[in-house]
Amino acid sequence: MRWRRGPTALLATLIVGVSPSAPAQDLPSGPLVFGAGRVTVGGEASATFSCASTADDACSDDTGFFNYSDYERSTLRGTRFDLTASVKASGHVWVLADLRVENGRRPTPYALYARIRPWERRPFDIQVGRIPPTFGSFSRRTYANDNFLIGYPLAYQYLTSLRPDALPANADELLRMRGRGWLSSFSVGNQTPDRGLPIANVFRWDTGVQVHIATRLVDAAASATTGSLGNPLVGDDNAGRQVAGRAALHPSPGLIVGGSISRGPFVARTAGAAGGVSLDTRRYTQTAVGVDAEYSRQHYLVRLEAIASWWTLPALGSPSLAEPLGAVATSIEGRYKIHPRWYAGARFDRLGFSTITGTTHADSWDAPVTRIEVGGGYSVQRNLHLKMTFQHNTRDGGRVRTLDLGAVQILFWF
């Protein structure tokens, strides 16, 4: 595999610049606190470069779109900057914000919410605004410094062919889009080809209200928001609400066991109106259930997560889509600390789909995907890391069915 000279030179410069002998140790080592302790500012910056192997052994981008997010970018290529701030307005109210810049584009608010604690000495709070996710385990580890690999689990990133603004008229249309979630198109609603939805979207946060309580044994949250698990929104697009809940138990040191559930309409009101179809979009929902576990001891850390999701679509034509469309994603990952500065990690992912029947044959409504990612990291200092991973993707459908990618990432946070 040949790496292009420009990115390689840039990466080499970065590595040299952050070597232990360089002045990297002078970088900020923690959040900035001022205003008599009322204002705390932190940040994270990462640069990622990947190279996919091709038939002529040249370095290319992710030609199979295995790692593309709903922002039409690869999670294995690009730059990302986050600036976070927490302002203590009073003894009971905090305002929290996250401003994000990706690939040099204009800054966008990733999070902006108020945290209200009615009782100062009780572990109960209410969060209002563009709030953190309620559902799932990995959704709490979306920042690069919390992910010991570079890629994301399939459930939280891989794009299915389903869209909120366009609907398949029948089962045949949906089957034609197997493995095409990066650019799917249907005849009802918005007919412009566009990206589909993941099971759970961690690249945008939803808007609404969340209540949270934490004790030594349990951590629980419930929320009501405007969007759905796969399509978080700032403004409502279907007059519906998503309800979600999660509880995590800490039965013994190093062990966490959790469960999540969510349900909410995901079809936009414009999907039916554009196609001249009268739909009560609140009936067409995404329902998801998740379980997860984490165990850590000494140098080891192991995590397991499984998510099952069902989407209900209108039965517009024949062969119909009267039954809910199902998907199940499973992920297991582990990390081993080889040395205080070095670690190795691996993740296995599988995403499968339920079967539907078209005019000529029956098949899964989207193409099942398997991903294996292995790699490791090196700590130049506590908050300055280098990562390198190798990823193998296979898919039962789509234009590219097998793809291998190597990736490197430099990461700094304070």
Protein backbone atom coordinates (compact mmCIF):
# COMPACT_ATOMS: atom_id res chain seq x y z
CA MET A 1 0.00 0.00 0.00
CA ARG A 2 1.46 3.37 -1.00
CA TRP A 3 0.70 6.44 1.10
CA ARG A 4 0.41 9.73 -0.75
CA ARG A 5 3.37 11.99 -0.22
CA GLY A 6 1.51 15.12 0.94
CA PRO A 7 -0.46 13.61 3.85
CA THR A 8 2.53 11.46 4.80
CA ALA A 9 4.80 14.48 5.05
CA LEU A 10 2.21 16.31 7.14
CA LEU A 11 1.78 13.35 9.46
CA ALA A 12 5.54 12.95 9.87
CA THR A 13 5.82 16.61 10.82
CA LEU A 14 3.09 16.21 13.43
CA ILE A 15 4.71 13.12 14.93
CA VAL A 16 8.09 14.81 15.15
CA GLY A 17 6.47 17.88 16.65
CA VAL A 18 4.85 15.86 19.44
CA SER A 19 7.71 13.52 20.23
CA PRO A 20 8.68 13.35 23.91
CA SER A 21 11.81 15.41 23.26
CA ALA A 22 9.85 18.22 21.59
CA PRO A 23 8.18 21.07 23.53
CA ALA A 24 4.83 19.23 23.54
CA GLN A 25 5.03 18.98 27.31
CA ASP A 26 4.31 22.71 27.43
CA LEU A 27 0.83 22.23 25.96
CA PRO A 28 -2.13 22.81 28.33
CA SER A 29 -2.73 19.73 30.45
CA GLY A 30 -6.23 20.45 31.70
CA PRO A 31 -9.32 22.65 31.29
CA LEU A 32 -9.02 26.41 31.71
CA VAL A 33 -10.87 27.71 34.76
CA PHE A 34 -11.58 31.37 35.41
CA GLY A 35 -14.27 33.72 36.70
CA ALA A 36 -13.70 32.59 40.29
CA GLY A 37 -14.27 29.00 39.20
CA ARG A 38 -17.60 29.68 37.51
CA VAL A 39 -16.37 29.21 33.94
CA THR A 40 -14.56 26.10 32.68
CA VAL A 41 -13.34 25.81 29.08
CA GLY A 42 -11.93 22.69 27.47
CA GLY A 43 -11.16 21.50 23.98
CA GLU A 44 -10.25 18.60 21.75
CA ALA A 45 -8.45 18.58 18.40
CA SER A 46 -7.86 15.58 16.15
CA ALA A 47 -6.46 14.97 12.69
CA THR A 48 -7.13 11.63 10.99
CA PHE A 49 -5.86 10.18 7.75
CA SER A 50 -6.77 6.82 6.20
CA CYS A 51 -5.76 4.85 3.17
CA ALA A 52 -7.83 2.11 1.50
CA SER A 53 -6.12 -0.65 -0.43
CA THR A 54 -7.24 -1.06 -4.04
CA ALA A 55 -6.59 -3.50 -6.87
CA ASP A 56 -3.57 -1.52 -8.11
CA ASP A 57 -2.22 -1.17 -4.55
CA ALA A 58 -2.79 2.60 -4.62
CA CYS A 59 -3.92 4.67 -1.67
CA SER A 60 -7.55 5.76 -1.97
CA ASP A 61 -10.46 7.01 0.10
CA ASP A 62 -13.23 4.81 1.55
CA THR A 63 -14.68 3.80 -1.84
CA GLY A 64 -17.28 1.57 -0.18
CA PHE A 65 -18.53 4.38 2.10
CA PHE A 66 -18.28 2.00 5.06
CA ASN A 67 -17.19 4.79 7.41
CA TYR A 68 -19.27 7.70 6.13
CA SER A 69 -21.47 9.60 8.56
CA ASP A 70 -24.67 11.50 7.84
CA TYR A 71 -22.54 14.63 7.44
CA GLU A 72 -21.20 13.07 4.21
CA ARG A 73 -17.67 12.67 5.50
CA SER A 74 -15.54 9.70 6.44
CA THR A 75 -14.85 9.25 10.13
CA LEU A 76 -11.38 8.03 9.12
CA ARG A 77 -10.35 11.20 7.27
CA GLY A 78 -10.43 14.82 8.32
CA THR A 79 -9.92 17.24 11.16
CA ARG A 80 -12.16 18.02 14.08
CA PHE A 81 -12.01 20.74 16.72
CA ASP A 82 -14.29 20.94 19.75
CA LEU A 83 -14.46 23.83 22.19
CA THR A 84 -16.53 23.09 25.28
CA ALA A 85 -17.63 25.48 28.00
CA SER A 86 -19.44 25.18 31.31
CA VAL A 87 -20.78 28.27 33.04
CA LYS A 88 -22.13 28.09 36.58
CA ALA A 89 -24.93 30.64 36.54
CA SER A 90 -25.97 29.92 40.14
CA GLY A 91 -25.82 27.19 42.74
CA HIS A 92 -28.58 25.35 40.88
CA VAL A 93 -28.04 26.19 37.20
CA TRP A 94 -25.21 25.49 34.75
CA VAL A 95 -25.07 26.31 31.03
CA LEU A 96 -23.03 23.90 28.89
CA ALA A 97 -22.03 24.25 25.24
CA ASP A 98 -19.89 22.52 22.62
CA LEU A 99 -18.87 24.32 19.43
CA ARG A 100 -17.52 21.99 16.73
CA VAL A 101 -15.55 22.62 13.52
CA GLU A 102 -15.04 19.74 11.08
CA ASN A 103 -12.79 19.80 8.02
CA GLY A 104 -12.51 23.58 8.05
CA ARG A 105 -16.24 24.18 7.73
CA ARG A 106 -18.09 26.81 9.71
CA PRO A 107 -18.53 26.17 13.44
CA THR A 108 -21.73 24.40 14.47
CA PRO A 109 -23.23 23.95 17.95
CA TYR A 110 -22.92 20.27 18.86
CA ALA A 111 -24.42 20.78 22.31
CA LEU A 112 -26.14 23.69 24.07
CA TYR A 113 -28.20 23.05 27.16
CA ALA A 114 -28.96 24.16 30.70
CA ARG A 115 -28.43 21.79 33.60
CA ILE A 116 -30.69 22.45 36.55
CA ARG A 117 -30.10 20.82 39.94
CA PRO A 118 -33.13 21.54 42.16
CA TRP A 119 -31.39 20.21 45.28
CA GLU A 120 -27.69 20.91 45.68
CA ARG A 121 -27.01 17.81 47.79
CA ARG A 122 -29.07 15.32 45.81
CA PRO A 123 -27.73 13.59 42.66
CA PHE A 124 -30.69 14.63 40.50
CA ASP A 125 -30.64 17.09 37.62
CA ILE A 126 -32.73 18.26 34.66
CA GLN A 127 -31.16 19.12 31.32
CA VAL A 128 -32.94 21.27 28.73
CA GLY A 129 -31.81 22.15 25.19
CA ARG A 130 -29.59 20.25 22.78
CA ILE A 131 -28.88 17.52 25.30
CA PRO A 132 -26.52 14.52 25.58
CA PRO A 133 -27.88 11.19 24.27
CA THR A 134 -29.96 9.08 26.62
CA PHE A 135 -29.74 5.82 24.67
CA GLY A 136 -26.78 3.46 24.56
CA SER A 137 -23.27 3.03 25.90
CA PHE A 138 -20.99 4.20 23.08
CA SER A 139 -22.99 7.43 22.79
CA ARG A 140 -21.16 8.51 25.96
CA ARG A 141 -17.77 7.95 24.33
CA THR A 142 -18.11 9.91 21.09
CA TYR A 143 -15.12 12.16 21.73
CA ALA A 144 -11.91 10.84 20.23
CA ASN A 145 -10.12 10.62 23.58
CA ASP A 146 -12.81 8.21 24.85
CA ASN A 147 -12.50 5.88 21.82
CA PHE A 148 -9.35 3.76 21.94
CA LEU A 149 -9.73 2.94 18.23
CA ILE A 150 -10.39 5.39 15.38
CA GLY A 151 -13.52 3.95 13.75
CA TYR A 152 -17.00 3.87 15.26
CA PRO A 153 -19.25 0.87 16.00
CA LEU A 154 -21.58 0.13 13.06
CA ALA A 155 -24.75 0.82 15.06
CA TYR A 156 -23.69 4.41 15.67
CA GLN A 157 -22.23 5.31 12.29
CA TYR A 158 -23.10 2.99 9.37
CA LEU A 159 -25.74 4.48 7.05
CA THR A 160 -28.72 2.28 6.19
CA SER A 161 -30.80 3.05 3.09
CA LEU A 162 -33.74 4.44 5.13
CA ARG A 163 -34.42 8.17 4.96
CA PRO A 164 -36.79 10.43 6.93
CA ASP A 165 -37.71 12.54 3.87
CA ALA A 166 -38.20 9.79 1.26
CA LEU A 167 -40.08 6.48 1.34
CA PRO A 168 -39.94 3.28 -0.72
CA ALA A 169 -43.21 2.68 -2.54
CA ASN A 170 -42.87 -1.09 -2.09
CA ALA A 171 -40.46 -3.84 -1.11
CA ASP A 172 -38.82 -3.92 -4.55
CA GLU A 173 -37.69 -0.31 -4.23
CA LEU A 174 -36.14 -0.97 -0.84
CA LEU A 175 -34.32 -4.09 -2.05
CA ARG A 176 -32.78 -2.12 -4.91
CA MET A 177 -31.09 0.12 -2.34
CA ARG A 178 -29.32 -2.66 -0.40
CA GLY A 179 -25.86 -1.42 0.58
CA ARG A 180 -26.51 2.06 -0.85
CA GLY A 181 -27.13 4.05 2.33
CA TRP A 182 -24.54 6.66 1.42
CA LEU A 183 -26.75 7.72 -1.52
CA SER A 184 -30.21 6.15 -1.52
CA SER A 185 -33.30 7.26 -3.44
CA PHE A 186 -37.00 6.38 -3.38
CA SER A 187 -40.06 7.42 -5.41
CA VAL A 188 -42.19 8.84 -2.57
CA GLY A 189 -41.13 12.13 -1.02
CA ASN A 190 -37.83 13.81 -1.81
CA GLN A 191 -36.56 12.04 -4.94
CA THR A 192 -33.08 13.60 -4.85
CA PRO A 193 -30.53 10.90 -3.92
CA ASP A 194 -29.21 11.52 -0.43
CA ARG A 195 -27.68 9.78 2.60
CA GLY A 196 -29.62 7.40 4.81
CA LEU A 197 -29.85 7.00 8.57
CA PRO A 198 -27.78 5.00 11.06
CA ILE A 199 -29.47 3.07 13.83
CA ALA A 200 -28.24 5.62 16.38
CA ASN A 201 -26.67 8.93 15.40
CA VAL A 202 -23.85 10.22 17.63
CA PHE A 203 -22.73 13.02 15.31
CA ARG A 204 -25.73 15.20 16.21
CA TRP A 205 -27.45 15.59 19.57
CA ASP A 206 -31.22 15.82 19.95
CA THR A 207 -33.25 18.67 21.39
CA GLY A 208 -35.55 18.31 24.37
CA VAL A 209 -35.63 17.59 28.10
CA GLN A 210 -33.73 14.95 30.07
CA VAL A 211 -33.88 13.99 33.74
CA HIS A 212 -30.93 12.21 35.33
CA ILE A 213 -30.18 10.60 38.68
CA ALA A 214 -26.97 8.95 39.84
CA THR A 215 -26.17 6.96 42.96
CA ARG A 216 -23.40 4.59 43.95
CA LEU A 217 -25.34 1.63 42.53
CA VAL A 218 -27.38 3.02 39.63
CA ASP A 219 -27.21 5.74 36.99
CA ALA A 220 -30.52 6.41 35.21
CA ALA A 221 -31.87 8.93 32.70
CA ALA A 222 -35.08 9.54 30.73
CA SER A 223 -35.77 12.07 27.97
CA ALA A 224 -38.35 13.47 25.57
CA THR A 225 -36.92 14.98 22.37
CA THR A 226 -37.94 16.25 18.94
CA GLY A 227 -36.13 13.77 16.68
CA SER A 228 -35.53 10.03 16.60
CA LEU A 229 -32.60 7.81 17.56
CA GLY A 230 -31.21 7.80 14.01
CA ASN A 231 -32.22 11.38 13.17
CA PRO A 232 -31.70 13.89 16.03
CA LEU A 233 -33.16 17.31 15.29
CA VAL A 234 -33.17 20.88 16.48
CA GLY A 235 -36.68 21.61 15.15
CA ASP A 236 -39.56 19.15 14.94
CA ASP A 237 -40.43 17.73 11.47
CA ASN A 238 -43.38 15.44 12.22
CA ALA A 239 -45.29 16.70 15.29
CA GLY A 240 -44.04 13.69 17.25
CA ARG A 241 -41.78 13.13 20.24
CA GLN A 242 -39.14 10.54 20.98
CA VAL A 243 -39.15 9.03 24.46
CA ALA A 244 -35.99 7.31 25.64
CA GLY A 245 -34.63 5.82 28.84
CA ARG A 246 -31.46 4.20 30.11
CA ALA A 247 -30.33 2.61 33.37
CA ALA A 248 -26.83 1.41 34.25
CA LEU A 249 -25.97 -0.69 37.31
CA HIS A 250 -22.60 -0.76 39.09
CA PRO A 251 -22.88 -4.02 41.07
CA SER A 252 -19.14 -4.32 41.76
CA PRO A 253 -15.93 -2.38 41.11
CA GLY A 254 -15.03 -2.40 37.43
CA LEU A 255 -18.39 -3.80 36.25
CA ILE A 256 -21.17 -1.80 34.57
CA VAL A 257 -24.34 -3.36 33.12
CA GLY A 258 -26.82 -1.19 31.25
CA GLY A 259 -30.03 -1.21 29.26
CA SER A 260 -31.69 1.36 26.99
CA ILE A 261 -34.97 1.84 25.15
CA SER A 262 -36.33 4.50 22.78
CA ARG A 263 -39.33 5.08 20.55
CA GLY A 264 -40.24 8.00 18.32
CA PRO A 265 -41.58 8.95 14.85
CA PHE A 266 -38.83 9.21 12.24
CA VAL A 267 -40.72 9.99 8.98
CA ALA A 268 -40.88 13.70 8.15
CA ARG A 269 -44.24 15.20 7.28
CA THR A 270 -42.80 16.34 3.93
CA ALA A 271 -42.17 12.72 2.84
CA GLY A 272 -45.81 12.01 2.18
CA ALA A 273 -46.82 15.51 1.15
CA ALA A 274 -44.20 15.66 -1.61
CA GLY A 275 -45.52 12.45 -3.12
CA GLY A 276 -49.17 13.35 -2.82
CA VAL A 277 -49.71 10.75 -0.11
CA SER A 278 -51.65 11.59 3.03
CA LEU A 279 -49.77 10.16 6.02
CA ASP A 280 -50.05 10.49 9.77
CA THR A 281 -46.28 10.48 10.22
CA ARG A 282 -46.56 9.98 13.98
CA ARG A 283 -47.52 6.35 13.28
CA TYR A 284 -44.24 5.53 11.56
CA THR A 285 -41.73 5.09 14.31
CA GLN A 286 -38.29 3.80 15.15
CA THR A 287 -38.20 1.62 18.24
CA ALA A 288 -34.91 0.44 19.70
CA VAL A 289 -33.73 -1.66 22.63
CA GLY A 290 -30.11 -1.93 23.75
CA VAL A 291 -28.06 -3.82 26.32
CA ASP A 292 -24.44 -3.23 27.22
CA ALA A 293 -21.77 -4.30 29.67
CA GLU A 294 -18.26 -3.19 30.59
CA TYR A 295 -15.65 -4.85 32.77
CA SER A 296 -12.22 -3.53 33.64
CA ARG A 297 -9.48 -4.98 35.80
CA GLN A 298 -5.81 -4.06 36.00
CA HIS A 299 -4.58 -3.78 32.37
CA TYR A 300 -7.78 -5.09 30.74
CA LEU A 301 -10.97 -3.40 29.57
CA VAL A 302 -13.77 -5.27 27.73
CA ARG A 303 -17.04 -3.80 26.42
CA LEU A 304 -20.06 -5.45 24.82
CA GLU A 305 -23.11 -3.77 23.29
CA ALA A 306 -26.10 -5.06 21.33
CA ILE A 307 -28.88 -2.94 19.80
CA ALA A 308 -32.08 -4.09 18.11
CA SER A 309 -34.10 -1.56 16.12
CA TRP A 310 -37.41 -1.67 14.25
CA TRP A 311 -38.75 0.89 11.76
CA THR A 312 -42.43 1.01 10.81
CA LEU A 313 -43.10 2.22 7.24
CA PRO A 314 -46.40 2.87 5.43
CA ALA A 315 -47.64 0.05 3.20
CA LEU A 316 -47.96 2.16 0.05
CA GLY A 317 -47.83 -0.43 -2.72
CA SER A 318 -47.35 -4.09 -3.54
CA PRO A 319 -45.30 -6.04 -2.54
CA SER A 320 -45.96 -4.13 0.66
CA LEU A 321 -43.81 -3.26 3.66
CA ALA A 322 -46.52 -4.04 6.18
CA GLU A 323 -44.14 -5.63 8.71
CA PRO A 324 -41.61 -3.53 10.67
CA LEU A 325 -38.06 -3.53 9.31
CA GLY A 326 -35.63 -4.96 11.83
CA ALA A 327 -31.89 -4.56 12.39
CA VAL A 328 -29.57 -5.99 15.04
CA ALA A 329 -26.08 -4.63 15.73
CA THR A 330 -23.58 -6.29 18.05
CA SER A 331 -20.19 -4.99 19.06
CA ILE A 332 -17.45 -6.32 21.34
CA GLU A 333 -14.23 -4.43 21.96
CA GLY A 334 -11.27 -4.70 24.25
CA ARG A 335 -8.12 -2.86 25.26
CA TYR A 336 -4.92 -4.05 26.93
CA LYS A 337 -2.37 -1.72 28.50
CA ILE A 338 1.03 -3.03 27.40
CA HIS A 339 2.91 -0.18 29.09
CA PRO A 340 1.87 3.11 30.75
CA ARG A 341 2.38 4.76 27.35
CA TRP A 342 1.28 1.94 25.00
CA TYR A 343 -1.96 0.02 24.54
CA ALA A 344 -3.48 -2.39 22.02
CA GLY A 345 -7.16 -2.60 21.12
CA ALA A 346 -9.62 -4.44 18.90
CA ARG A 347 -13.32 -4.34 18.00
CA PHE A 348 -15.60 -6.83 16.23
CA ASP A 349 -18.86 -5.53 14.73
CA ARG A 350 -21.81 -7.18 13.03
CA LEU A 351 -24.91 -5.48 11.62
CA GLY A 352 -27.73 -7.65 10.26
CA PHE A 353 -31.18 -6.93 8.84
CA SER A 354 -34.55 -8.68 8.70
CA THR A 355 -35.88 -10.32 5.52
CA ILE A 356 -38.56 -8.88 3.24
CA THR A 357 -40.21 -10.39 0.15
CA GLY A 358 -40.13 -8.67 -3.21
CA THR A 359 -41.75 -9.59 -6.50
CA THR A 360 -39.07 -12.10 -7.53
CA HIS A 361 -37.20 -13.02 -4.34
CA ALA A 362 -36.81 -12.55 -0.59
CA ASP A 363 -33.71 -10.96 0.93
CA SER A 364 -32.58 -8.82 3.84
CA TRP A 365 -33.83 -5.28 3.33
CA ASP A 366 -30.29 -3.93 3.63
CA ALA A 367 -26.91 -5.59 3.16
CA PRO A 368 -25.43 -7.17 6.32
CA VAL A 369 -22.03 -5.76 7.32
CA THR A 370 -19.12 -7.15 9.33
CA ARG A 371 -16.20 -5.07 10.55
CA ILE A 372 -12.99 -5.97 12.37
CA GLU A 373 -10.74 -3.16 13.59
CA VAL A 374 -7.43 -3.64 15.40
CA GLY A 375 -4.85 -1.12 16.46
CA GLY A 376 -3.14 0.66 19.27
CA GLY A 377 -2.07 3.95 20.71
CA TYR A 378 0.87 5.78 22.22
CA SER A 379 0.66 8.49 24.88
CA VAL A 380 3.15 11.25 24.22
CA GLN A 381 1.75 12.83 27.36
CA ARG A 382 -1.48 12.38 29.30
CA ASN A 383 -3.57 14.39 26.85
CA LEU A 384 -1.61 13.94 23.61
CA HIS A 385 -2.04 10.61 21.84
CA LEU A 386 -1.15 8.93 18.58
CA LYS A 387 -3.33 6.09 17.26
CA MET A 388 -2.96 3.64 14.40
CA THR A 389 -5.57 1.09 13.28
CA PHE A 390 -6.34 -1.39 10.54
CA GLN A 391 -9.96 -2.04 9.53
CA HIS A 392 -11.45 -4.89 7.47
CA ASN A 393 -15.02 -4.44 6.15
CA THR A 394 -17.22 -6.95 4.36
CA ARG A 395 -20.79 -6.48 3.11
CA ASP A 396 -23.36 -8.70 1.38
CA GLY A 397 -24.37 -6.11 -1.20
CA GLY A 398 -23.50 -2.71 -2.62
CA ARG A 399 -20.97 -1.74 -5.24
CA VAL A 400 -17.94 -2.40 -3.00
CA ARG A 401 -18.29 -5.52 -0.87
CA THR A 402 -14.86 -5.79 0.74
CA LEU A 403 -12.54 -2.99 1.80
CA ASP A 404 -9.42 -2.74 3.97
CA LEU A 405 -8.32 0.58 5.44
CA GLY A 406 -5.35 1.71 7.47
CA ALA A 407 -5.72 4.86 9.56
CA VAL A 408 -3.63 7.10 11.80
CA GLN A 409 -4.80 9.82 14.17
CA ILE A 410 -3.17 12.47 16.29
CA LEU A 411 -5.26 13.70 19.19
CA PHE A 412 -4.90 16.48 21.77
CA TRP A 413 -7.35 17.61 24.43
CA PHE A 414 -7.40 19.83 27.48
